[in-house]
């Protein structure tokens, strides 16, 4: 990845913007989406679920949050 030097902060801000006609824009967006998928992989349960009470819904959410936390810890090598 190339190193860019800027004289001031405004010059750096302008460098972040890409013209809509830039041919590399689609590839940049694709790389950004890949990066975001790696950061927050979609392990949230999908679909619509019904619960008898709000407590049941909260328990379900707490269960999958804990599963996600454990998966991240294992993935990062912090827990075996």
N, C-alpha and C. Protein backbone atom coordinates (compact mmCIF):
# COMPACT_ATOMS: atom_id res chain seq x y z
N UNK A 1 0.85 -1.17 0.00
CA UNK A 1 0.00 0.00 0.00
C UNK A 1 0.90 1.24 0.00
N UNK A 2 0.64 2.18 -0.89
CA UNK A 2 1.50 3.36 -0.97
C UNK A 2 1.30 4.30 0.21
N UNK A 3 2.33 5.05 0.51
CA UNK A 3 2.27 6.05 1.58
C UNK A 3 2.03 7.41 0.94
N UNK A 4 1.05 8.12 1.47
CA UNK A 4 0.73 9.46 0.97
C UNK A 4 1.05 10.47 2.06
N UNK A 5 1.71 11.54 1.67
CA UNK A 5 2.02 12.61 2.62
C UNK A 5 1.17 13.83 2.26
N UNK A 6 0.64 14.47 3.29
CA UNK A 6 -0.22 15.63 3.09
C UNK A 6 0.34 16.81 3.87
N UNK A 7 0.13 17.99 3.31
CA UNK A 7 0.62 19.21 3.96
C UNK A 7 -0.27 19.65 5.12
N UNK A 8 -1.57 19.38 4.98
CA UNK A 8 -2.50 19.75 6.05
C UNK A 8 -3.68 18.78 6.07
N UNK A 9 -4.51 18.93 7.07
CA UNK A 9 -5.63 18.02 7.27
C UNK A 9 -6.67 18.13 6.16
N UNK A 10 -6.89 19.32 5.65
CA UNK A 10 -7.86 19.48 4.56
C UNK A 10 -7.43 18.71 3.32
N UNK A 11 -6.16 18.71 3.03
CA UNK A 11 -5.65 17.96 1.88
C UNK A 11 -5.89 16.46 2.08
N UNK A 12 -5.72 15.98 3.30
CA UNK A 12 -5.97 14.56 3.61
C UNK A 12 -7.45 14.24 3.49
N UNK A 13 -8.31 15.12 3.93
CA UNK A 13 -9.76 14.90 3.82
C UNK A 13 -10.20 14.81 2.37
N UNK A 14 -9.66 15.70 1.54
CA UNK A 14 -10.02 15.68 0.12
C UNK A 14 -9.57 14.38 -0.54
N UNK A 15 -8.47 13.82 -0.09
CA UNK A 15 -7.94 12.58 -0.68
C UNK A 15 -8.84 11.38 -0.38
N UNK A 16 -9.66 11.47 0.65
CA UNK A 16 -10.55 10.36 0.99
C UNK A 16 -11.69 10.21 0.00
N UNK A 17 -12.09 11.28 -0.64
CA UNK A 17 -13.23 11.26 -1.54
C UNK A 17 -12.83 10.72 -2.90
N UNK A 18 -13.71 9.95 -3.49
CA UNK A 18 -13.49 9.40 -4.83
C UNK A 18 -14.59 9.91 -5.75
N UNK A 19 -14.19 10.19 -6.96
CA UNK A 19 -15.16 10.63 -7.97
C UNK A 19 -16.03 9.45 -8.37
N UNK A 20 -17.30 9.69 -8.62
CA UNK A 20 -18.23 8.61 -8.98
C UNK A 20 -17.84 7.94 -10.29
N UNK A 21 -17.10 8.64 -11.13
CA UNK A 21 -16.68 8.05 -12.41
C UNK A 21 -15.34 7.32 -12.30
N UNK A 22 -14.76 7.28 -11.11
CA UNK A 22 -13.47 6.59 -10.91
C UNK A 22 -13.65 5.10 -11.14
N UNK A 23 -12.89 4.49 -12.05
CA UNK A 23 -13.06 3.06 -12.33
C UNK A 23 -12.67 2.15 -11.16
N UNK A 24 -11.87 2.65 -10.23
CA UNK A 24 -11.47 1.81 -9.09
C UNK A 24 -12.46 1.88 -7.94
N UNK A 25 -13.51 2.69 -8.08
CA UNK A 25 -14.48 2.88 -6.99
C UNK A 25 -15.18 1.57 -6.61
N UNK A 26 -15.61 0.80 -7.58
CA UNK A 26 -16.31 -0.46 -7.29
C UNK A 26 -15.40 -1.42 -6.52
N UNK A 27 -14.14 -1.50 -6.91
CA UNK A 27 -13.20 -2.38 -6.21
C UNK A 27 -12.97 -1.90 -4.78
N UNK A 28 -12.90 -0.59 -4.59
CA UNK A 28 -12.71 -0.05 -3.23
C UNK A 28 -13.90 -0.38 -2.34
N UNK A 29 -15.10 -0.23 -2.89
CA UNK A 29 -16.31 -0.55 -2.13
C UNK A 29 -16.35 -2.03 -1.79
N UNK A 30 -15.98 -2.87 -2.74
CA UNK A 30 -15.95 -4.31 -2.51
C UNK A 30 -14.98 -4.67 -1.38
N UNK A 31 -13.79 -4.09 -1.40
CA UNK A 31 -12.81 -4.35 -0.33
C UNK A 31 -13.34 -3.88 1.03
N UNK A 32 -14.02 -2.75 1.04
CA UNK A 32 -14.60 -2.24 2.29
C UNK A 32 -15.65 -3.20 2.84
N UNK A 33 -16.51 -3.72 1.95
CA UNK A 33 -17.54 -4.66 2.39
C UNK A 33 -16.91 -5.95 2.90
N UNK A 34 -15.88 -6.44 2.23
CA UNK A 34 -15.20 -7.65 2.71
C UNK A 34 -14.62 -7.42 4.09
N UNK A 35 -13.99 -6.26 4.28
CA UNK A 35 -13.39 -5.93 5.57
C UNK A 35 -14.46 -5.85 6.66
N UNK A 36 -15.59 -5.21 6.36
CA UNK A 36 -16.64 -5.10 7.37
C UNK A 36 -17.25 -6.46 7.69
N UNK A 37 -17.35 -7.36 6.71
CA UNK A 37 -17.85 -8.71 6.98
C UNK A 37 -16.94 -9.46 7.93
N UNK A 38 -15.63 -9.27 7.77
CA UNK A 38 -14.69 -9.94 8.68
C UNK A 38 -14.80 -9.37 10.08
N UNK A 39 -15.04 -8.07 10.21
CA UNK A 39 -15.14 -7.45 11.53
C UNK A 39 -16.41 -7.87 12.26
N UNK A 40 -17.50 -7.94 11.55
CA UNK A 40 -18.79 -8.25 12.18
C UNK A 40 -19.50 -9.31 11.36
N UNK A 41 -19.02 -10.51 11.48
CA UNK A 41 -19.65 -11.58 10.70
C UNK A 41 -21.09 -11.77 11.17
N UNK A 42 -21.99 -12.02 10.24
CA UNK A 42 -23.41 -12.08 10.58
C UNK A 42 -23.81 -13.37 11.28
N UNK A 43 -23.57 -13.45 12.56
CA UNK A 43 -23.97 -14.63 13.33
C UNK A 43 -25.22 -14.35 14.13
N UNK A 44 -25.85 -13.24 13.84
CA UNK A 44 -27.12 -12.91 14.48
C UNK A 44 -28.19 -13.78 13.83
N UNK A 45 -29.03 -14.41 14.63
CA UNK A 45 -30.08 -15.25 14.04
C UNK A 45 -30.95 -14.45 13.08
N UNK A 46 -31.23 -15.05 11.94
CA UNK A 46 -32.02 -14.38 10.92
C UNK A 46 -33.47 -14.86 11.00
N UNK A 47 -34.35 -14.03 10.50
CA UNK A 47 -35.75 -14.40 10.44
C UNK A 47 -36.56 -13.79 11.56
N UNK A 48 -37.83 -14.03 11.50
CA UNK A 48 -38.77 -13.50 12.48
C UNK A 48 -39.10 -14.59 13.49
N UNK A 49 -39.05 -14.24 14.76
CA UNK A 49 -39.38 -15.19 15.82
C UNK A 49 -40.45 -14.59 16.72
N UNK A 50 -41.29 -15.45 17.22
CA UNK A 50 -42.32 -15.01 18.16
C UNK A 50 -42.01 -15.59 19.53
N UNK A 51 -42.29 -14.79 20.53
CA UNK A 51 -42.06 -15.21 21.91
C UNK A 51 -43.31 -14.93 22.72
N UNK A 52 -43.52 -15.75 23.72
CA UNK A 52 -44.71 -15.57 24.58
C UNK A 52 -44.57 -14.32 25.45
N UNK A 53 -43.33 -14.07 25.91
CA UNK A 53 -43.11 -12.91 26.78
C UNK A 53 -41.84 -12.19 26.35
N UNK A 54 -41.70 -10.97 26.82
CA UNK A 54 -40.49 -10.19 26.54
C UNK A 54 -39.29 -10.85 27.22
N UNK A 55 -39.53 -11.51 28.35
CA UNK A 55 -38.45 -12.20 29.05
C UNK A 55 -37.89 -13.34 28.19
N UNK A 56 -38.78 -14.08 27.52
CA UNK A 56 -38.32 -15.15 26.63
C UNK A 56 -37.48 -14.58 25.48
N UNK A 57 -37.90 -13.45 24.93
CA UNK A 57 -37.16 -12.81 23.85
C UNK A 57 -35.80 -12.33 24.34
N UNK A 58 -35.77 -11.76 25.53
CA UNK A 58 -34.50 -11.30 26.09
C UNK A 58 -33.54 -12.46 26.36
N UNK A 59 -34.08 -13.58 26.85
CA UNK A 59 -33.24 -14.76 27.09
C UNK A 59 -32.62 -15.27 25.78
N UNK A 60 -33.44 -15.31 24.73
CA UNK A 60 -32.95 -15.76 23.43
C UNK A 60 -31.82 -14.85 22.94
N UNK A 61 -32.05 -13.52 23.03
CA UNK A 61 -31.03 -12.58 22.59
C UNK A 61 -29.77 -12.72 23.42
N UNK A 62 -29.91 -12.84 24.72
CA UNK A 62 -28.74 -12.99 25.61
C UNK A 62 -27.97 -14.26 25.27
N UNK A 63 -28.67 -15.32 24.91
CA UNK A 63 -28.02 -16.58 24.56
C UNK A 63 -27.16 -16.43 23.31
N UNK A 64 -27.72 -15.80 22.24
CA UNK A 64 -26.90 -15.68 21.03
C UNK A 64 -25.80 -14.63 21.18
N UNK A 65 -25.99 -13.63 22.04
CA UNK A 65 -24.90 -12.68 22.31
C UNK A 65 -23.75 -13.41 22.97
N UNK A 66 -24.05 -14.25 23.97
CA UNK A 66 -23.00 -15.00 24.65
C UNK A 66 -22.30 -15.97 23.70
N UNK A 67 -23.05 -16.61 22.81
CA UNK A 67 -22.44 -17.50 21.82
C UNK A 67 -21.49 -16.73 20.92
N UNK A 68 -21.89 -15.53 20.51
CA UNK A 68 -21.04 -14.70 19.65
C UNK A 68 -19.77 -14.26 20.37
N UNK A 69 -19.91 -13.87 21.63
CA UNK A 69 -18.75 -13.46 22.42
C UNK A 69 -17.76 -14.63 22.54
N UNK A 70 -18.27 -15.81 22.86
CA UNK A 70 -17.40 -16.98 22.98
C UNK A 70 -16.71 -17.30 21.65
N UNK A 71 -17.45 -17.21 20.55
CA UNK A 71 -16.86 -17.48 19.23
C UNK A 71 -15.76 -16.48 18.91
N UNK A 72 -15.96 -15.21 19.25
CA UNK A 72 -14.93 -14.20 19.00
C UNK A 72 -13.69 -14.44 19.87
N UNK A 73 -13.90 -14.80 21.13
CA UNK A 73 -12.77 -15.06 22.01
C UNK A 73 -11.95 -16.25 21.51
N UNK A 74 -12.64 -17.29 21.06
CA UNK A 74 -11.94 -18.46 20.53
C UNK A 74 -11.20 -18.09 19.25
N UNK A 75 -11.87 -17.33 18.38
CA UNK A 75 -11.28 -16.92 17.10
C UNK A 75 -10.03 -16.08 17.33
N UNK A 76 -10.02 -15.27 18.37
CA UNK A 76 -8.88 -14.39 18.66
C UNK A 76 -7.84 -15.08 19.55
N UNK A 77 -8.09 -16.33 19.90
CA UNK A 77 -7.13 -17.08 20.69
C UNK A 77 -7.08 -16.68 22.15
N UNK A 78 -8.11 -16.06 22.67
CA UNK A 78 -8.13 -15.65 24.06
C UNK A 78 -8.72 -16.70 24.98
N UNK A 79 -9.44 -17.66 24.40
CA UNK A 79 -10.05 -18.75 25.16
C UNK A 79 -9.88 -20.01 24.35
N UNK A 80 -9.67 -21.10 25.02
CA UNK A 80 -9.56 -22.37 24.31
C UNK A 80 -10.77 -23.23 24.55
